[in-house]
């Protein structure tokens, strides 16, 4: 089991660094000419930096959102939190209904386990 972890200050686990290394090696082998890189090693460094920066920014943003939510709860911003939960519930319900409409009925739907004739 691998632990892909991005911390609150954009630090990453060694397993995630290994995965990024594997991805960047493969991507560099395939795309180094299209990147106008001088060689595979240069392309790998560029790709690895892009992936690492993107994941670090994602981790820092997620941490900031969590802090903002916790701060809102601590300061008694319960109405806003309730609204977010209601909105998330509605979005989840809509996604489930869309799934049901597409995969379980209608044109091209699978109609559950019933065979179509």
PDB file of N, CA and C in Angstrom:
ATOM      1  N   UNK A   1       0.845  -1.171   0.000  1.00  0.00           N
ATOM      2  CA  UNK A   1       0.000   0.000   0.000  1.00  0.00           C
ATOM      3  C   UNK A   1       0.893   1.237   0.000  1.00  0.00           C
ATOM      4  N   UNK A   2       0.610   2.125  -0.907  1.00  0.00           N
ATOM      5  CA  UNK A   2       1.389   3.352  -1.024  1.00  0.00           C
ATOM      6  C   UNK A   2       0.641   4.501  -0.355  1.00  0.00           C
ATOM      7  N   UNK A   3       1.394   5.413   0.225  1.00  0.00           N
ATOM      8  CA  UNK A   3       0.796   6.572   0.888  1.00  0.00           C
ATOM      9  C   UNK A   3       1.161   7.821   0.107  1.00  0.00           C
ATOM     10  N   UNK A   4       0.207   8.292  -0.702  1.00  0.00           N
ATOM     11  CA  UNK A   4       0.408   9.511  -1.470  1.00  0.00           C
ATOM     12  C   UNK A   4      -0.140  10.669  -0.654  1.00  0.00           C
ATOM     13  N   UNK A   5       0.764  11.418  -0.019  1.00  0.00           N
ATOM     14  CA  UNK A   5       0.362  12.457   0.921  1.00  0.00           C
ATOM     15  C   UNK A   5       0.991  13.783   0.523  1.00  0.00           C
ATOM     16  N   UNK A   6       0.152  14.827   0.519  1.00  0.00           N
ATOM     17  CA  UNK A   6       0.642  16.194   0.358  1.00  0.00           C
ATOM     18  C   UNK A   6       0.274  16.919   1.637  1.00  0.00           C
ATOM     19  N   UNK A   7       1.269  17.487   2.308  1.00  0.00           N
ATOM     20  CA  UNK A   7       1.040  18.130   3.595  1.00  0.00           C
ATOM     21  C   UNK A   7       0.564  19.564   3.466  1.00  0.00           C
ATOM     22  N   UNK A   8       0.263  20.171   4.599  1.00  0.00           N
ATOM     23  CA  UNK A   8      -0.290  21.525   4.604  1.00  0.00           C
ATOM     24  C   UNK A   8       0.676  22.599   4.112  1.00  0.00           C
ATOM     25  N   UNK A   9       1.955  22.305   4.090  1.00  0.00           N
ATOM     26  CA  UNK A   9       2.931  23.266   3.592  1.00  0.00           C
ATOM     27  C   UNK A   9       3.565  22.772   2.296  1.00  0.00           C
ATOM     28  N   UNK A  10       2.796  21.996   1.552  1.00  0.00           N
ATOM     29  CA  UNK A  10       3.172  21.472   0.234  1.00  0.00           C
ATOM     30  C   UNK A  10       4.277  20.424   0.283  1.00  0.00           C
ATOM     31  N   UNK A  11       4.574  19.847   1.467  1.00  0.00           N
ATOM     32  CA  UNK A  11       5.542  18.759   1.518  1.00  0.00           C
ATOM     33  C   UNK A  11       4.845  17.480   1.059  1.00  0.00           C
ATOM     34  N   UNK A  12       5.639  16.550   0.514  1.00  0.00           N
ATOM     35  CA  UNK A  12       5.076  15.331  -0.061  1.00  0.00           C
ATOM     36  C   UNK A  12       5.777  14.103   0.487  1.00  0.00           C
ATOM     37  N   UNK A  13       5.036  12.997   0.506  1.00  0.00           N
ATOM     38  CA  UNK A  13       5.598  11.741   1.004  1.00  0.00           C
ATOM     39  C   UNK A  13       6.591  11.167  -0.007  1.00  0.00           C
ATOM     40  N   UNK A  14       7.455  10.293   0.482  1.00  0.00           N
ATOM     41  CA  UNK A  14       8.453   9.681  -0.406  1.00  0.00           C
ATOM     42  C   UNK A  14       7.780   8.814  -1.467  1.00  0.00           C
ATOM     43  N   UNK A  15       6.645   8.189  -1.129  1.00  0.00           N
ATOM     44  CA  UNK A  15       5.918   7.395  -2.121  1.00  0.00           C
ATOM     45  C   UNK A  15       5.402   8.284  -3.250  1.00  0.00           C
ATOM     46  N   UNK A  16       4.926   9.461  -2.919  1.00  0.00           N
ATOM     47  CA  UNK A  16       4.442  10.378  -3.942  1.00  0.00           C
ATOM     48  C   UNK A  16       5.602  10.887  -4.788  1.00  0.00           C
ATOM     49  N   UNK A  17       6.740  11.153  -4.169  1.00  0.00           N
ATOM     50  CA  UNK A  17       7.921  11.563  -4.939  1.00  0.00           C
ATOM     51  C   UNK A  17       8.337  10.451  -5.910  1.00  0.00           C
ATOM     52  N   UNK A  18       8.257   9.203  -5.474  1.00  0.00           N
ATOM     53  CA  UNK A  18       8.591   8.076  -6.359  1.00  0.00           C
ATOM     54  C   UNK A  18       7.630   8.003  -7.534  1.00  0.00           C
ATOM     55  N   UNK A  19       6.345   8.199  -7.275  1.00  0.00           N
ATOM     56  CA  UNK A  19       5.354   8.177  -8.348  1.00  0.00           C
ATOM     57  C   UNK A  19       5.605   9.316  -9.336  1.00  0.00           C
ATOM     58  N   UNK A  20       5.866  10.504  -8.830  1.00  0.00           N
ATOM     59  CA  UNK A  20       6.152  11.648  -9.700  1.00  0.00           C
ATOM     60  C   UNK A  20       7.388  11.365 -10.552  1.00  0.00           C
ATOM     61  N   UNK A  21       8.393  10.729  -9.966  1.00  0.00           N
ATOM     62  CA  UNK A  21       9.601  10.382 -10.705  1.00  0.00           C
ATOM     63  C   UNK A  21       9.287   9.415 -11.840  1.00  0.00           C
ATOM     64  N   UNK A  22       8.481   8.389 -11.560  1.00  0.00           N
ATOM     65  CA  UNK A  22       8.108   7.416 -12.599  1.00  0.00           C
ATOM     66  C   UNK A  22       7.308   8.081 -13.719  1.00  0.00           C
ATOM     67  N   UNK A  23       6.347   8.917 -13.344  1.00  0.00           N
ATOM     68  CA  UNK A  23       5.520   9.609 -14.341  1.00  0.00           C
ATOM     69  C   UNK A  23       6.381  10.525 -15.205  1.00  0.00           C
ATOM     70  N   UNK A  24       7.272  11.274 -14.577  1.00  0.00           N
ATOM     71  CA  UNK A  24       8.100  12.215 -15.337  1.00  0.00           C
ATOM     72  C   UNK A  24       9.069  11.481 -16.263  1.00  0.00           C
ATOM     73  N   UNK A  25       9.595  10.339 -15.828  1.00  0.00           N
ATOM     74  CA  UNK A  25      10.481   9.557 -16.698  1.00  0.00           C
ATOM     75  C   UNK A  25       9.750   9.093 -17.948  1.00  0.00           C
ATOM     76  N   UNK A  26       8.571   8.537 -17.752  1.00  0.00           N
ATOM     77  CA  UNK A  26       7.799   8.019 -18.899  1.00  0.00           C
ATOM     78  C   UNK A  26       7.352   9.148 -19.821  1.00  0.00           C
ATOM     79  N   UNK A  27       6.858  10.234 -19.230  1.00  0.00           N
ATOM     80  CA  UNK A  27       6.398  11.361 -20.043  1.00  0.00           C
ATOM     81  C   UNK A  27       7.555  11.971 -20.824  1.00  0.00           C
ATOM     82  N   UNK A  28       8.726  12.049 -20.214  1.00  0.00           N
ATOM     83  CA  UNK A  28       9.890  12.614 -20.898  1.00  0.00           C
ATOM     84  C   UNK A  28      10.313  11.748 -22.078  1.00  0.00           C
ATOM     85  N   UNK A  29      10.268  10.430 -21.910  1.00  0.00           N
ATOM     86  CA  UNK A  29      10.628   9.527 -23.002  1.00  0.00           C
ATOM     87  C   UNK A  29       9.713   9.721 -24.205  1.00  0.00           C
ATOM     88  N   UNK A  30       8.445   9.962 -23.937  1.00  0.00           N
ATOM     89  CA  UNK A  30       7.460  10.080 -25.015  1.00  0.00           C
ATOM     90  C   UNK A  30       7.437  11.483 -25.624  1.00  0.00           C
ATOM     91  N   UNK A  31       7.612  12.513 -24.808  1.00  0.00           N
ATOM     92  CA  UNK A  31       7.333  13.877 -25.264  1.00  0.00           C
ATOM     93  C   UNK A  31       8.527  14.807 -25.375  1.00  0.00           C
ATOM     94  N   UNK A  32       9.729  14.353 -25.177  1.00  0.00           N
ATOM     95  CA  UNK A  32      10.844  15.290 -25.101  1.00  0.00           C
ATOM     96  C   UNK A  32      11.077  16.044 -26.403  1.00  0.00           C
ATOM     97  N   UNK A  33      10.846  15.403 -27.538  1.00  0.00           N
ATOM     98  CA  UNK A  33      11.031  16.110 -28.816  1.00  0.00           C
ATOM     99  C   UNK A  33       9.941  17.162 -29.026  1.00  0.00           C
ATOM    100  N   UNK A  34       8.707  16.827 -28.661  1.00  0.00           N
ATOM    101  CA  UNK A  34       7.601  17.772 -28.803  1.00  0.00           C
ATOM    102  C   UNK A  34       7.720  18.960 -27.871  1.00  0.00           C
ATOM    103  N   UNK A  35       8.465  18.779 -26.790  1.00  0.00           N
ATOM    104  CA  UNK A  35       8.691  19.869 -25.836  1.00  0.00           C
ATOM    105  C   UNK A  35       9.827  20.782 -26.283  1.00  0.00           C
ATOM    106  N   UNK A  36      10.472  20.427 -27.363  1.00  0.00           N
ATOM    107  CA  UNK A  36      11.644  21.144 -27.866  1.00  0.00           C
ATOM    108  C   UNK A  36      12.751  21.139 -26.802  1.00  0.00           C
ATOM    109  N   UNK A  37      12.873  20.034 -26.117  1.00  0.00           N
ATOM    110  CA  UNK A  37      13.935  19.871 -25.119  1.00  0.00           C
ATOM    111  C   UNK A  37      15.179  19.327 -25.817  1.00  0.00           C
ATOM    112  N   UNK A  38      16.323  19.581 -25.238  1.00  0.00           N
ATOM    113  CA  UNK A  38      17.564  19.111 -25.847  1.00  0.00           C
ATOM    114  C   UNK A  38      17.775  17.616 -25.657  1.00  0.00           C
ATOM    115  N   UNK A  39      17.234  17.075 -24.556  1.00  0.00           N
ATOM    116  CA  UNK A  39      17.347  15.636 -24.317  1.00  0.00           C
ATOM    117  C   UNK A  39      16.273  15.192 -23.327  1.00  0.00           C
ATOM    118  N   UNK A  40      16.229  13.885 -23.088  1.00  0.00           N
ATOM    119  CA  UNK A  40      15.225  13.295 -22.198  1.00  0.00           C
ATOM    120  C   UNK A  40      15.409  13.772 -20.763  1.00  0.00           C
ATOM    121  N   UNK A  41      16.632  13.922 -20.321  1.00  0.00           N
ATOM    122  CA  UNK A  41      16.905  14.327 -18.934  1.00  0.00           C
ATOM    123  C   UNK A  41      16.372  15.733 -18.657  1.00  0.00           C
ATOM    124  N   UNK A  42      16.563  16.641 -19.596  1.00  0.00           N
ATOM    125  CA  UNK A  42      16.044  17.999 -19.434  1.00  0.00           C
ATOM    126  C   UNK A  42      14.522  17.989 -19.386  1.00  0.00           C
ATOM    127  N   UNK A  43      13.906  17.226 -20.287  1.00  0.00           N
ATOM    128  CA  UNK A  43      12.448  17.125 -20.326  1.00  0.00           C
ATOM    129  C   UNK A  43      11.916  16.536 -19.021  1.00  0.00           C
ATOM    130  N   UNK A  44      12.598  15.530 -18.497  1.00  0.00           N
ATOM    131  CA  UNK A  44      12.173  14.917 -17.235  1.00  0.00           C
ATOM    132  C   UNK A  44      12.181  15.941 -16.103  1.00  0.00           C
ATOM    133  N   UNK A  45      13.218  16.756 -16.040  1.00  0.00           N
ATOM    134  CA  UNK A  45      13.299  17.775 -14.995  1.00  0.00           C
ATOM    135  C   UNK A  45      12.179  18.793 -15.090  1.00  0.00           C
ATOM    136  N   UNK A  46      11.861  19.209 -16.308  1.00  0.00           N
ATOM    137  CA  UNK A  46      10.787  20.177 -16.506  1.00  0.00           C
ATOM    138  C   UNK A  46       9.439  19.569 -16.100  1.00  0.00           C
ATOM    139  N   UNK A  47       9.176  18.355 -16.546  1.00  0.00           N
ATOM    140  CA  UNK A  47       7.902  17.693 -16.232  1.00  0.00           C
ATOM    141  C   UNK A  47       7.785  17.440 -14.734  1.00  0.00           C
ATOM    142  N   UNK A  48       8.867  16.975 -14.120  1.00  0.00           N
ATOM    143  CA  UNK A  48       8.846  16.701 -12.681  1.00  0.00           C
ATOM    144  C   UNK A  48       8.575  17.975 -11.886  1.00  0.00           C
ATOM    145  N   UNK A  49       9.178  19.081 -12.292  1.00  0.00           N
ATOM    146  CA  UNK A  49       8.949  20.360 -11.618  1.00  0.00           C
ATOM    147  C   UNK A  49       7.496  20.797 -11.774  1.00  0.00           C
ATOM    148  N   UNK A  50       6.941  20.643 -12.975  1.00  0.00           N
ATOM    149  CA  UNK A  50       5.544  21.039 -13.199  1.00  0.00           C
ATOM    150  C   UNK A  50       4.589  20.226 -12.331  1.00  0.00           C
ATOM    151  N   UNK A  51       4.796  18.925 -12.277  1.00  0.00           N
ATOM    152  CA  UNK A  51       3.918  18.062 -11.476  1.00  0.00           C
ATOM    153  C   UNK A  51       4.054  18.394  -9.993  1.00  0.00           C
ATOM    154  N   UNK A  52       5.283  18.528  -9.522  1.00  0.00           N
ATOM    155  CA  UNK A  52       5.526  18.822  -8.113  1.00  0.00           C
ATOM    156  C   UNK A  52       4.905  20.160  -7.712  1.00  0.00           C
ATOM    157  N   UNK A  53       5.091  21.175  -8.543  1.00  0.00           N
ATOM    158  CA  UNK A  53       4.496  22.487  -8.255  1.00  0.00           C
ATOM    159  C   UNK A  53       2.975  22.416  -8.222  1.00  0.00           C
ATOM    160  N   UNK A  54       2.387  21.716  -9.189  1.00  0.00           N
ATOM    161  CA  UNK A  54       0.927  21.611  -9.246  1.00  0.00           C
ATOM    162  C   UNK A  54       0.371  20.912  -8.006  1.00  0.00           C
ATOM    163  N   UNK A  55       0.988  19.816  -7.610  1.00  0.00           N
ATOM    164  CA  UNK A  55       0.513  19.095  -6.424  1.00  0.00           C
ATOM    165  C   UNK A  55       0.748  19.890  -5.150  1.00  0.00           C
ATOM    166  N   UNK A  56       1.862  20.591  -5.076  1.00  0.00           N
ATOM    167  CA  UNK A  56       2.137  21.421  -3.902  1.00  0.00           C
ATOM    168  C   UNK A  56       1.126  22.539  -3.759  1.00  0.00           C
ATOM    169  N   UNK A  57       0.807  23.196  -4.867  1.00  0.00           N
ATOM    170  CA  UNK A  57      -0.196  24.263  -4.835  1.00  0.00           C
ATOM    171  C   UNK A  57      -1.552  23.699  -4.460  1.00  0.00           C
ATOM    172  N   UNK A  58      -1.890  22.536  -5.003  1.00  0.00           N
ATOM    173  CA  UNK A  58      -3.161  21.888  -4.667  1.00  0.00           C
ATOM    174  C   UNK A  58      -3.240  21.587  -3.174  1.00  0.00           C
ATOM    175  N   UNK A  59      -2.161  21.067  -2.592  1.00  0.00           N
ATOM    176  CA  UNK A  59      -2.145  20.769  -1.157  1.00  0.00           C
ATOM    177  C   UNK A  59      -2.263  22.023  -0.310  1.00  0.00           C
ATOM    178  N   UNK A  60      -1.564  23.076  -0.701  1.00  0.00           N
ATOM    179  CA  UNK A  60      -1.633  24.329   0.054  1.00  0.00           C
ATOM    180  C   UNK A  60      -3.026  24.945  -0.013  1.00  0.00           C
ATOM    181  N   UNK A  61      -3.650  24.891  -1.187  1.00  0.00           N
ATOM    182  CA  UNK A  61      -5.021  25.418  -1.324  1.00  0.00           C
ATOM    183  C   UNK A  61      -6.013  24.619  -0.495  1.00  0.00           C
ATOM    184  N   UNK A  62      -5.888  23.294  -0.541  1.00  0.00           N
ATOM    185  CA  UNK A  62      -6.800  22.450   0.238  1.00  0.00           C
ATOM    186  C   UNK A  62      -6.640  22.727   1.729  1.00  0.00           C
ATOM    187  N   UNK A  63      -5.411  22.917   2.180  1.00  0.00           N
ATOM    188  CA  UNK A  63      -5.174  23.245   3.580  1.00  0.00           C
ATOM    189  C   UNK A  63      -5.815  24.580   3.935  1.00  0.00           C
ATOM    190  N   UNK A  64      -5.688  25.565   3.061  1.00  0.00           N
ATOM    191  CA  UNK A  64      -6.284  26.881   3.315  1.00  0.00           C
ATOM    192  C   UNK A  64      -7.806  26.782   3.393  1.00  0.00           C
ATOM    193  N   UNK A  65      -8.411  25.974   2.523  1.00  0.00           N
ATOM    194  CA  UNK A  65      -9.867  25.785   2.571  1.00  0.00           C
ATOM    195  C   UNK A  65     -10.293  25.129   3.885  1.00  0.00           C
ATOM    196  N   UNK A  66      -9.532  24.136   4.319  1.00  0.00           N
ATOM    197  CA  UNK A  66      -9.851  23.473   5.590  1.00  0.00           C
ATOM    198  C   UNK A  66      -9.743  24.455   6.751  1.00  0.00           C
ATOM    199  N   UNK A  67      -8.679  25.264   6.762  1.00  0.00           N
ATOM    200  CA  UNK A  67      -8.518  26.257   7.824  1.00  0.00           C
ATOM    201  C   UNK A  67      -9.664  27.269   7.804  1.00  0.00           C
ATOM    202  N   UNK A  68     -10.043  27.703   6.623  1.00  0.00           N
ATOM    203  CA  UNK A  68     -11.140  28.660   6.496  1.00  0.00           C
ATOM    204  C   UNK A  68     -12.450  28.057   7.017  1.00  0.00           C
ATOM    205  N   UNK A  69     -12.722  26.815   6.658  1.00  0.00           N
ATOM    206  CA  UNK A  69     -13.933  26.152   7.145  1.00  0.00           C
ATOM    207  C   UNK A  69     -13.921  26.008   8.661  1.00  0.00           C
ATOM    208  N   UNK A  70     -12.783  25.572   9.213  1.00  0.00           N
ATOM    209  CA  UNK A  70     -12.694  25.413  10.663  1.00  0.00           C
ATOM    210  C   UNK A  70     -12.834  26.741  11.387  1.00  0.00           C
ATOM    211  N   UNK A  71     -12.236  27.772  10.832  1.00  0.00           N
ATOM    212  CA  UNK A  71     -12.342  29.091  11.424  1.00  0.00           C
ATOM    213  C   UNK A  71     -13.790  29.578  11.401  1.00  0.00           C
ATOM    214  N   UNK A  72     -14.471  29.321  10.303  1.00  0.00           N
ATOM    215  CA  UNK A  72     -15.884  29.696  10.210  1.00  0.00           C
ATOM    216  C   UNK A  72     -16.730  28.990  11.253  1.00  0.00           C
ATOM    217  N   UNK A  73     -16.459  27.726  11.492  1.00  0.00           N
ATOM    218  CA  UNK A  73     -17.211  26.973  12.499  1.00  0.00           C
ATOM    219  C   UNK A  73     -16.892  27.501  13.895  1.00  0.00           C
ATOM    220  N   UNK A  74     -15.604  27.777  14.168  1.00  0.00           N
ATOM    221  CA  UNK A  74     -15.212  28.268  15.494  1.00  0.00           C
ATOM    222  C   UNK A  74     -15.804  29.646  15.787  1.00  0.00           C
ATOM    223  N   UNK A  75     -15.945  30.456  14.759  1.00  0.00           N
ATOM    224  CA  UNK A  75     -16.468  31.805  14.960  1.00  0.00           C
ATOM    225  C   UNK A  75     -17.987  31.864  14.880  1.00  0.00           C
ATOM    226  N   UNK A  76     -18.628  30.706  14.796  1.00  0.00           N
ATOM    227  CA  UNK A  76     -20.078  30.664  14.803  1.00  0.00           C
ATOM    228  C   UNK A  76     -20.713  30.932  13.453  1.00  0.00           C
ATOM    229  N   UNK A  77     -20.005  30.616  12.402  1.00  0.00           N
ATOM    230  CA  UNK A  77     -20.548  30.804  11.062  1.00  0.00           C
ATOM    231  C   UNK A  77     -21.315  29.556  10.643  1.00  0.00           C
ATOM    232  N   UNK A  78     -22.199  29.090  11.511  1.00  0.00           N
ATOM    233  CA  UNK A  78     -22.928  27.844  11.282  1.00  0.00           C
ATOM    234  C   UNK A  78     -23.903  27.914  10.125  1.00  0.00           C
ATOM    235  N   UNK A  79     -24.515  29.078   9.909  1.00  0.00           N
ATOM    236  CA  UNK A  79     -25.481  29.204   8.812  1.00  0.00           C
ATOM    237  C   UNK A  79     -24.805  29.016   7.465  1.00  0.00           C
ATOM    238  N   UNK A  80     -23.631  29.589   7.306  1.00  0.00           N
ATOM    239  CA  UNK A  80     -22.900  29.428   6.052  1.00  0.00           C
ATOM    240  C   UNK A  80     -22.470  27.971   5.865  1.00  0.00           C
ATOM    241  N   UNK A  81     -22.021  27.343   6.952  1.00  0.00           N
ATOM    242  CA  UNK A  81     -21.626  25.935   6.873  1.00  0.00           C
ATOM    243  C   UNK A  81     -22.819  25.062   6.496  1.00  0.00           C
ATOM    244  N   UNK A  82     -23.980  25.361   7.079  1.00  0.00           N
ATOM    245  CA  UNK A  82     -25.195  24.619   6.747  1.00  0.00           C
ATOM    246  C   UNK A  82     -25.534  24.792   5.266  1.00  0.00           C
ATOM    247  N   UNK A  83     -25.383  26.004   4.766  1.00  0.00           N
ATOM    248  CA  UNK A  83     -25.651  26.260   3.350  1.00  0.00           C
ATOM    249  C   UNK A  83     -24.714  25.484   2.440  1.00  0.00           C
ATOM    250  N   UNK A  84     -23.428  25.404   2.829  1.00  0.00           N
ATOM    251  CA  UNK A  84     -22.480  24.628   2.036  1.00  0.00           C
ATOM    252  C   UNK A  84     -22.839  23.154   2.032  1.00  0.00           C
ATOM    253  N   UNK A  85     -23.239  22.642   3.211  1.00  0.00           N
ATOM    254  CA  UNK A  85     -23.629  21.230   3.274  1.00  0.00           C
ATOM    255  C   UNK A  85     -24.862  20.976   2.424  1.00  0.00           C
ATOM    256  N   UNK A  86     -25.833  21.866   2.495  1.00  0.00           N
ATOM    257  CA  UNK A  86     -27.058  21.715   1.699  1.00  0.00           C
ATOM    258  C   UNK A  86     -26.725  21.738   0.209  1.00  0.00           C
ATOM    259  N   UNK A  87     -25.855  22.655  -0.192  1.00  0.00           N
ATOM    260  CA  UNK A  87     -25.453  22.759  -1.593  1.00  0.00           C
ATOM    261  C   UNK A  87     -24.722  21.497  -2.044  1.00  0.00           C
ATOM    262  N   UNK A  88     -23.832  20.979  -1.190  1.00  0.00           N
ATOM    263  CA  UNK A  88     -23.095  19.754  -1.524  1.00  0.00           C
ATOM    264  C   UNK A  88     -24.044  18.567  -1.622  1.00  0.00           C
ATOM    265  N   UNK A  89     -25.010  18.484  -0.709  1.00  0.00           N
ATOM    266  CA  UNK A  89     -25.996  17.406  -0.763  1.00  0.00           C
ATOM    267  C   UNK A  89     -26.804  17.476  -2.047  1.00  0.00           C
ATOM    268  N   UNK A  90     -27.207  18.672  -2.441  1.00  0.00           N
ATOM    269  CA  UNK A  90     -27.977  18.838  -3.672  1.00  0.00           C
ATOM    270  C   UNK A  90     -27.145  18.444  -4.886  1.00  0.00           C
ATOM    271  N   UNK A  91     -25.869  18.818  -4.897  1.00  0.00           N
ATOM    272  CA  UNK A  91     -24.995  18.456  -6.018  1.00  0.00           C
ATOM    273  C   UNK A  91     -24.796  16.945  -6.084  1.00  0.00           C
ATOM    274  N   UNK A  92     -24.622  16.306  -4.928  1.00  0.00           N
ATOM    275  CA  UNK A  92     -24.476  14.838  -4.910  1.00  0.00           C
ATOM    276  C   UNK A  92     -25.748  14.157  -5.380  1.00  0.00           C
ATOM    277  N   UNK A  93     -26.886  14.667  -4.950  1.00  0.00           N
ATOM    278  CA  UNK A  93     -28.172  14.098  -5.372  1.00  0.00           C
ATOM    279  C   UNK A  93     -28.343  14.246  -6.878  1.00  0.00           C
ATOM    280  N   UNK A  94     -28.001  15.425  -7.410  1.00  0.00           N
ATOM    281  CA  UNK A  94     -28.107  15.676  -8.853  1.00  0.00           C
ATOM    282  C   UNK A  94     -27.197  14.734  -9.634  1.00  0.00           C
ATOM    283  N   UNK A  95     -25.976  14.531  -9.156  1.00  0.00           N
ATOM    284  CA  UNK A  95     -25.042  13.627  -9.836  1.00  0.00           C
ATOM    285  C   UNK A  95     -25.576  12.195  -9.823  1.00  0.00           C
ATOM    286  N   UNK A  96     -26.155  11.783  -8.698  1.00  0.00           N
ATOM    287  CA  UNK A  96     -26.709  10.430  -8.607  1.00  0.00           C
ATOM    288  C   UNK A  96     -27.882  10.271  -9.567  1.00  0.00           C
ATOM    289  N   UNK A  97     -28.758  11.270  -9.622  1.00  0.00           N
ATOM    290  CA  UNK A  97     -29.911  11.197 -10.526  1.00  0.00           C
ATOM    291  C   UNK A  97     -29.464  11.177 -11.984  1.00  0.00           C
ATOM    292  N   UNK A  98     -28.441  11.963 -12.293  1.00  0.00           N
ATOM    293  CA  UNK A  98     -27.911  11.963 -13.664  1.00  0.00           C
ATOM    294  C   UNK A  98     -27.347  10.588 -14.009  1.00  0.00           C
ATOM    295  N   UNK A  99     -26.652   9.976 -13.061  1.00  0.00           N
ATOM    296  CA  UNK A  99     -26.123   8.628 -13.257  1.00  0.00           C
ATOM    297  C   UNK A  99     -27.266   7.650 -13.511  1.00  0.00           C
ATOM    298  N   UNK A 100     -28.301   7.731 -12.681  1.00  0.00           N
ATOM    299  CA  UNK A 100     -29.448   6.823 -12.833  1.00  0.00           C
ATOM    300  C   UNK A 100     -30.138   7.025 -14.185  1.00  0.00           C
ATOM    301  N   UNK A 101     -30.308   8.290 -14.590  1.00  0.00           N
ATOM    302  CA  UNK A 101     -30.968   8.553 -15.873  1.00  0.00           C
ATOM    303  C   UNK A 101     -30.142   8.005 -17.028  1.00  0.00           C
ATOM    304  N   UNK A 102     -28.843   8.153 -16.954  1.00  0.00           N
ATOM    305  CA  UNK A 102     -28.001   7.747 -18.072  1.00  0.00           C
ATOM    306  C   UNK A 102     -27.798   6.233 -18.134  1.00  0.00           C
ATOM    307  N   UNK A 103     -27.491   5.623 -17.001  1.00  0.00           N
ATOM    308  CA  UNK A 103     -27.107   4.219 -17.008  1.00  0.00           C
ATOM    309  C   UNK A 103     -28.246   3.248 -16.746  1.00  0.00           C
ATOM    310  N   UNK A 104     -29.344   3.711 -16.210  1.00  0.00           N
ATOM    311  CA  UNK A 104     -30.390   2.771 -15.819  1.00  0.00           C
ATOM    312  C   UNK A 104     -31.660   2.886 -16.649  1.00  0.00           C
ATOM    313  N   UNK A 105     -31.784   3.889 -17.476  1.00  0.00           N
ATOM    314  CA  UNK A 105     -32.992   4.020 -18.280  1.00  0.00           C
ATOM    315  C   UNK A 105     -32.708   4.922 -19.466  1.00  0.00           C
ATOM    316  N   UNK A 106     -33.689   5.115 -20.279  1.00  0.00           N
ATOM    317  CA  UNK A 106     -33.543   6.022 -21.413  1.00  0.00           C
ATOM    318  C   UNK A 106     -32.809   5.391 -22.579  1.00  0.00           C
ATOM    319  N   UNK A 107     -32.620   6.175 -23.612  1.00  0.00           N
ATOM    320  CA  UNK A 107     -31.947   5.694 -24.808  1.00  0.00           C
ATOM    321  C   UNK A 107     -30.508   5.306 -24.492  1.00  0.00           C
ATOM    322  N   UNK A 108     -30.158   4.099 -24.820  1.00  0.00           N
ATOM    323  CA  UNK A 108     -28.806   3.629 -24.591  1.00  0.00           C
ATOM    324  C   UNK A 108     -28.508   3.266 -23.157  1.00  0.00           C
ATOM    325  N   UNK A 109     -29.498   3.358 -22.294  1.00  0.00           N
ATOM    326  CA  UNK A 109     -29.281   3.017 -20.895  1.00  0.00           C
ATOM    327  C   UNK A 109     -29.181   1.521 -20.708  1.00  0.00           C
ATOM    328  N   UNK A 110     -28.555   1.111 -19.654  1.00  0.00           N
ATOM    329  CA  UNK A 110     -28.362  -0.312 -19.401  1.00  0.00           C
ATOM    330  C   UNK A 110     -29.584  -0.946 -18.766  1.00  0.00           C
ATOM    331  N   UNK A 111     -30.473  -0.133 -18.218  1.00  0.00           N
ATOM    332  CA  UNK A 111     -31.704  -0.606 -17.586  1.00  0.00           C
ATOM    333  C   UNK A 111     -31.426  -1.661 -16.530  1.00  0.00           C
ATOM    334  N   UNK A 112     -30.447  -1.397 -15.699  1.00  0.00           N
ATOM    335  CA  UNK A 112     -30.126  -2.340 -14.618  1.00  0.00           C
ATOM    336  C   UNK A 112     -29.588  -3.626 -15.174  1.00  0.00           C
ATOM    337  N   UNK A 113     -30.093  -4.757 -14.705  1.00  0.00           N
ATOM    338  CA  UNK A 113     -29.621  -6.043 -15.208  1.00  0.00           C
ATOM    339  C   UNK A 113     -30.581  -6.652 -16.218  1.00  0.00           C
ATOM    340  N   UNK A 114     -31.594  -5.882 -16.633  1.00  0.00           N
ATOM    341  CA  UNK A 114     -32.549  -6.395 -17.632  1.00  0.00           C
ATOM    342  C   UNK A 114     -31.910  -6.341 -19.007  1.00  0.00           C
ATOM    343  N   UNK A 115     -32.149  -7.349 -19.800  1.00  0.00           N
ATOM    344  CA  UNK A 115     -31.615  -7.338 -21.160  1.00  0.00           C
ATOM    345  C   UNK A 115     -32.560  -6.562 -22.055  1.00  0.00           C
ATOM    346  N   UNK A 116     -31.998  -5.814 -22.997  1.00  0.00           N
ATOM    347  CA  UNK A 116     -32.809  -5.015 -23.921  1.00  0.00           C
ATOM    348  C   UNK A 116     -33.028  -5.797 -25.187  1.00  0.00           C
ATOM    349  N   UNK A 117     -34.217  -5.691 -25.729  1.00  0.00           N
ATOM    350  CA  UNK A 117     -34.501  -6.385 -26.987  1.00  0.00           C
ATOM    351  C   UNK A 117     -34.916  -5.415 -28.050  1.00  0.00           C
TER     352      UNK A 117
END
